[in-house]
């Protein structure tokens, strides 16, 4: 995101860029954490697919893994934060006519 005030066209454009940057950051962190969780799951069960990791309760070996549950919880927290951020942006967009374009 360009932080130079001269390159900002309007406050809405700046906010659109800021929201997109935050969304991109969440996506990057979530993808990185998903990869880490899959790697840890495959330490315990090498045959697991990414879909299998979405429902770890069917694999008791994952509960026995020393760090899988912790890292899976971090992933869940990142996803929850992304959802909360999107809800906040939508709420602000609904309350402020100048932010309609941000209500993703």
Protein backbone atom coordinates (compact mmCIF):
# COMPACT_ATOMS: atom_id res chain seq x y z
CA UNK A 1 0.00 0.00 0.00
CA UNK A 2 1.27 3.43 -0.91
CA UNK A 3 1.51 5.52 2.26
CA UNK A 4 2.39 8.74 0.45
CA UNK A 5 -0.53 11.16 1.02
CA UNK A 6 -0.03 12.73 -2.43
CA UNK A 7 -0.82 9.39 -4.08
CA UNK A 8 -4.12 8.95 -2.29
CA UNK A 9 -6.98 9.94 -4.56
CA UNK A 10 -9.79 10.04 -2.00
CA UNK A 11 -10.36 8.85 1.55
CA UNK A 12 -12.48 5.99 0.15
CA UNK A 13 -9.67 4.89 -2.14
CA UNK A 14 -7.22 4.90 0.75
CA UNK A 15 -9.63 2.90 2.89
CA UNK A 16 -10.24 0.42 0.05
CA UNK A 17 -6.48 -0.10 -0.24
CA UNK A 18 -6.12 -0.44 3.53
CA UNK A 19 -8.92 -3.02 3.75
CA UNK A 20 -7.41 -4.96 0.85
CA UNK A 21 -3.99 -4.91 2.52
CA UNK A 22 -5.47 -6.26 5.76
CA UNK A 23 -7.40 -8.94 3.84
CA UNK A 24 -4.22 -9.93 2.00
CA UNK A 25 -2.35 -10.13 5.31
CA UNK A 26 -5.02 -12.38 6.82
CA UNK A 27 -4.95 -14.63 3.74
CA UNK A 28 -1.16 -14.89 3.90
CA UNK A 29 -1.16 -15.72 7.62
CA UNK A 30 -3.97 -18.25 7.24
CA UNK A 31 -2.33 -20.01 4.30
CA UNK A 32 0.97 -20.17 6.16
CA UNK A 33 -0.73 -21.58 9.27
CA UNK A 34 -2.71 -24.11 7.20
CA UNK A 35 0.55 -25.36 5.68
CA UNK A 36 2.09 -25.64 9.16
CA UNK A 37 -0.91 -27.55 10.53
CA UNK A 38 -0.84 -29.94 7.56
CA UNK A 39 2.90 -30.50 8.02
CA UNK A 40 2.40 -31.30 11.71
CA UNK A 41 -0.53 -33.59 10.95
CA UNK A 42 1.55 -35.46 8.40
CA UNK A 43 4.27 -35.99 11.02
CA UNK A 44 1.75 -38.16 12.86
CA UNK A 45 -0.11 -39.56 9.84
CA UNK A 46 1.75 -39.11 6.53
CA UNK A 47 -1.25 -40.10 4.39
CA UNK A 48 -3.55 -37.27 5.56
CA UNK A 49 -4.98 -34.90 2.98
CA UNK A 50 -5.73 -31.23 3.64
CA UNK A 51 -9.43 -32.18 3.87
CA UNK A 52 -8.65 -34.80 6.53
CA UNK A 53 -7.01 -32.13 8.66
CA UNK A 54 -10.23 -30.09 8.66
CA UNK A 55 -11.80 -32.83 10.80
CA UNK A 56 -9.01 -34.01 13.09
CA UNK A 57 -11.38 -35.66 15.59
CA UNK A 58 -11.44 -38.76 13.40
CA UNK A 59 -7.72 -39.26 13.99
CA UNK A 60 -6.74 -39.80 17.65
CA UNK A 61 -3.06 -39.68 16.65
CA UNK A 62 -3.45 -35.96 16.00
CA UNK A 63 -4.70 -35.34 19.53
CA UNK A 64 -1.61 -37.16 20.80
CA UNK A 65 0.72 -34.98 18.71
CA UNK A 66 2.50 -32.52 21.03
CA UNK A 67 1.82 -29.34 19.04
CA UNK A 68 -0.90 -30.12 16.48
CA UNK A 69 -3.85 -29.04 18.64
CA UNK A 70 -2.11 -25.80 19.63
CA UNK A 71 -1.26 -24.85 16.03
CA UNK A 72 -4.74 -25.86 14.84
CA UNK A 73 -6.14 -23.51 17.49
CA UNK A 74 -3.99 -20.68 16.16
CA UNK A 75 -5.40 -21.36 12.69
CA UNK A 76 -8.94 -21.26 14.07
CA UNK A 77 -8.16 -17.95 15.79
CA UNK A 78 -6.80 -16.40 12.60
CA UNK A 79 -9.91 -17.46 10.69
CA UNK A 80 -12.13 -16.06 13.45
CA UNK A 81 -10.23 -12.76 13.37
CA UNK A 82 -10.64 -12.57 9.59
CA UNK A 83 -14.40 -13.16 9.91
CA UNK A 84 -14.65 -10.51 12.66
CA UNK A 85 -12.70 -8.02 10.52
CA UNK A 86 -15.00 -8.62 7.54
CA UNK A 87 -18.08 -8.21 9.75
CA UNK A 88 -16.72 -4.94 11.14
CA UNK A 89 -16.03 -3.58 7.65
CA UNK A 90 -19.53 -4.57 6.50
CA UNK A 91 -21.05 -2.96 9.58
CA UNK A 92 -19.15 0.25 9.02
CA UNK A 93 -20.03 0.24 5.33
CA UNK A 94 -23.72 -0.09 6.16
CA UNK A 95 -23.50 2.78 8.66
CA UNK A 96 -21.43 5.04 6.41
CA UNK A 97 -22.51 5.75 2.83
CA UNK A 98 -18.92 6.52 1.82
CA UNK A 99 -17.76 2.98 2.59
CA UNK A 100 -20.19 0.94 0.45
CA UNK A 101 -17.45 -0.36 -1.85
CA UNK A 102 -15.72 -2.02 1.11
CA UNK A 103 -18.61 -4.25 2.15
CA UNK A 104 -17.16 -7.48 0.79
